[in-house]
């Protein structure tokens, strides 16, 4: 897995036809969206991470952590740092918030990071450039799926409703 700083994230986004990392710019790139409120149950969040990681394909997927530490009692930074150190990453999350998974093995690593983001109620974007799908998660316990295709949104609506409270 490639761990990326903001400059590298924006270069990747630009090379895949997306605007720079900005809440309004990224969201306005997609005409269709659906909002979900997942259960706070850890088992449900684990299953959600697995489904989010599976998206449509086995190509590049970018996870960008945009906010952390909002609910300090819900996070374990030591656990997160151990996961990143296992990926040979020693830089701080605020320096390198991007996690780019390219291979199938890296998708497993991505799923582990996704689990922690969901457990810790962190904000993040998950972007599948080839499928043109994006998920934005909020520390306020909701996430939004974005797509260029309304049918994709309808498909994800049926899948993700099972994870709601």
Protein backbone atom coordinates (compact mmCIF):
# COMPACT_ATOMS: atom_id res chain seq x y z
CA UNK A 1 0.00 0.00 0.00
CA UNK A 2 1.24 3.44 -0.83
CA UNK A 3 0.85 5.98 1.98
CA UNK A 4 0.42 9.47 0.51
CA UNK A 5 0.75 13.10 1.57
CA UNK A 6 -1.70 15.78 0.41
CA UNK A 7 0.35 16.70 -2.66
CA UNK A 8 0.48 13.06 -3.79
CA UNK A 9 -3.25 12.66 -3.10
CA UNK A 10 -4.08 15.67 -5.26
CA UNK A 11 -1.79 14.43 -8.06
CA UNK A 12 -3.56 11.06 -7.99
CA UNK A 13 -7.00 12.71 -7.98
CA UNK A 14 -6.05 14.97 -10.91
CA UNK A 15 -4.61 12.07 -12.91
CA UNK A 16 -7.96 10.25 -12.48
CA UNK A 17 -10.13 13.20 -13.49
CA UNK A 18 -11.15 14.41 -10.03
CA UNK A 19 -10.85 17.89 -8.53
CA UNK A 20 -8.35 18.56 -5.74
CA UNK A 21 -9.05 17.35 -2.22
CA UNK A 22 -11.83 19.62 -1.05
CA UNK A 23 -15.16 18.64 0.45
CA UNK A 24 -17.30 20.75 -1.86
CA UNK A 25 -15.27 20.14 -5.02
CA UNK A 26 -15.20 16.36 -4.64
CA UNK A 27 -18.88 16.12 -3.73
CA UNK A 28 -19.99 18.39 -6.58
CA UNK A 29 -18.11 16.14 -9.04
CA UNK A 30 -20.87 13.54 -8.58
CA UNK A 31 -24.49 14.23 -9.57
CA UNK A 32 -26.00 11.33 -7.59
CA UNK A 33 -25.73 10.41 -3.92
CA UNK A 34 -27.42 8.54 -1.07
CA UNK A 35 -26.95 8.99 2.67
CA UNK A 36 -26.84 6.20 5.26
CA UNK A 37 -26.59 6.02 9.05
CA UNK A 38 -24.78 2.81 10.02
CA UNK A 39 -25.26 0.98 13.28
CA UNK A 40 -22.62 1.62 15.93
CA UNK A 41 -22.30 -2.15 16.51
CA UNK A 42 -18.69 -3.23 15.88
CA UNK A 43 -19.74 -6.34 13.98
CA UNK A 44 -21.86 -4.25 11.63
CA UNK A 45 -18.98 -1.81 11.14
CA UNK A 46 -16.63 -4.71 10.35
CA UNK A 47 -19.06 -6.01 7.72
CA UNK A 48 -19.47 -2.49 6.34
CA UNK A 49 -15.69 -2.11 5.97
CA UNK A 50 -15.59 -5.39 4.05
CA UNK A 51 -18.37 -4.29 1.71
CA UNK A 52 -16.89 -0.83 1.19
CA UNK A 53 -13.54 -2.41 0.37
CA UNK A 54 -15.10 -4.68 -2.24
CA UNK A 55 -16.65 -1.87 -4.28
CA UNK A 56 -16.85 -2.84 -7.94
CA UNK A 57 -13.38 -3.98 -8.82
CA UNK A 58 -9.84 -4.90 -7.93
CA UNK A 59 -8.11 -1.76 -9.15
CA UNK A 60 -6.76 1.34 -7.39
CA UNK A 61 -8.77 2.56 -4.43
CA UNK A 62 -7.79 5.62 -2.42
CA UNK A 63 -8.72 6.13 1.24
CA UNK A 64 -8.10 9.64 2.58
CA UNK A 65 -8.57 10.27 6.29
CA UNK A 66 -9.79 13.86 6.61
CA UNK A 67 -10.49 14.17 10.35
CA UNK A 68 -9.54 12.17 13.42
CA UNK A 69 -9.47 12.72 17.16
CA UNK A 70 -12.91 14.29 17.25
CA UNK A 71 -14.12 11.61 19.68
CA UNK A 72 -10.90 10.79 21.60
CA UNK A 73 -12.63 8.21 23.78
CA UNK A 74 -13.60 6.25 20.65
CA UNK A 75 -10.11 5.91 19.21
CA UNK A 76 -6.87 4.12 19.95
CA UNK A 77 -4.01 5.93 18.21
CA UNK A 78 -1.50 3.32 19.34
CA UNK A 79 -3.47 0.62 17.52
CA UNK A 80 -3.64 2.77 14.38
CA UNK A 81 0.08 3.54 14.53
CA UNK A 82 0.84 -0.19 14.93
CA UNK A 83 -1.17 -0.96 11.78
CA UNK A 84 0.67 1.74 9.85
CA UNK A 85 4.06 0.65 11.17
CA UNK A 86 3.29 -2.87 9.93
CA UNK A 87 3.00 -1.19 6.50
CA UNK A 88 6.44 0.38 7.09
CA UNK A 89 4.93 3.83 7.63
CA UNK A 90 6.33 5.99 10.43
CA UNK A 91 5.04 9.43 9.43
CA UNK A 92 2.11 10.91 11.32
CA UNK A 93 -1.43 10.62 10.00
CA UNK A 94 -1.76 14.40 9.58
CA UNK A 95 1.31 14.33 7.29
CA UNK A 96 0.19 11.33 5.23
CA UNK A 97 -3.59 10.82 5.34
CA UNK A 98 -3.81 8.94 2.01
CA UNK A 99 -3.80 5.14 1.66
CA UNK A 100 -3.68 3.87 -1.93
CA UNK A 101 -4.39 0.18 -2.45
CA UNK A 102 -3.35 -1.23 -5.81
CA UNK A 103 -3.07 -5.02 -5.43
CA UNK A 104 -5.38 -7.58 -3.82
CA UNK A 105 -2.98 -7.90 -0.85
CA UNK A 106 -3.09 -4.16 -0.36
CA UNK A 107 -6.89 -4.25 -0.40
CA UNK A 108 -6.69 -6.39 2.76
CA UNK A 109 -4.52 -3.71 4.36
CA UNK A 110 -6.99 -1.08 3.23
CA UNK A 111 -9.84 -3.01 4.84
CA UNK A 112 -7.95 -3.02 8.16
CA UNK A 113 -7.51 0.76 8.00
CA UNK A 114 -11.16 1.16 7.00
CA UNK A 115 -12.24 -0.87 10.04
CA UNK A 116 -10.30 1.42 12.35
CA UNK A 117 -11.73 4.52 10.68
CA UNK A 118 -15.24 3.20 11.21
CA UNK A 119 -14.58 2.02 14.78
CA UNK A 120 -12.98 5.36 15.71
CA UNK A 121 -15.66 7.53 14.00
CA UNK A 122 -13.14 9.25 11.73
CA UNK A 123 -14.00 11.27 8.63
CA UNK A 124 -12.72 9.85 5.37
CA UNK A 125 -13.15 9.64 1.62
CA UNK A 126 -12.92 6.31 -0.16
CA UNK A 127 -12.54 6.74 -3.92
CA UNK A 128 -12.65 4.13 -6.68
CA UNK A 129 -11.51 6.09 -9.71
CA UNK A 130 -12.28 3.50 -12.37
CA UNK A 131 -15.82 2.90 -11.16
CA UNK A 132 -16.29 6.62 -10.34
CA UNK A 133 -17.68 5.91 -6.90
CA UNK A 134 -16.86 7.82 -3.74
CA UNK A 135 -17.88 7.32 -0.13
CA UNK A 136 -17.62 10.12 2.42
CA UNK A 137 -17.85 9.08 6.06
CA UNK A 138 -18.49 11.48 8.92
CA UNK A 139 -17.64 11.39 12.62
CA UNK A 140 -21.34 12.21 13.11
CA UNK A 141 -22.11 8.58 12.20
CA UNK A 142 -23.32 8.84 8.65
CA UNK A 143 -21.84 8.22 5.27
CA UNK A 144 -22.75 9.27 1.75
CA UNK A 145 -22.17 7.24 -1.41
CA UNK A 146 -21.58 9.32 -4.56
CA UNK A 147 -21.60 8.20 -8.19
CA UNK A 148 -21.84 9.47 -11.74
CA UNK A 149 -24.48 6.78 -12.37
CA UNK A 150 -27.88 6.81 -10.64
CA UNK A 151 -28.20 3.02 -11.06
CA UNK A 152 -25.03 2.53 -9.01
CA UNK A 153 -26.57 4.59 -6.22
CA UNK A 154 -29.74 2.48 -6.31
CA UNK A 155 -27.63 -0.69 -6.12
CA UNK A 156 -25.66 0.59 -3.13
CA UNK A 157 -28.82 1.81 -1.41
CA UNK A 158 -30.14 -1.73 -1.25
CA UNK A 159 -26.80 -3.09 -0.03
CA UNK A 160 -26.09 -0.47 2.65
CA UNK A 161 -29.60 -0.23 4.11
CA UNK A 162 -28.89 -3.49 5.96
CA UNK A 163 -26.16 -1.72 7.93
CA UNK A 164 -28.41 1.06 9.23
CA UNK A 165 -29.54 1.46 12.81
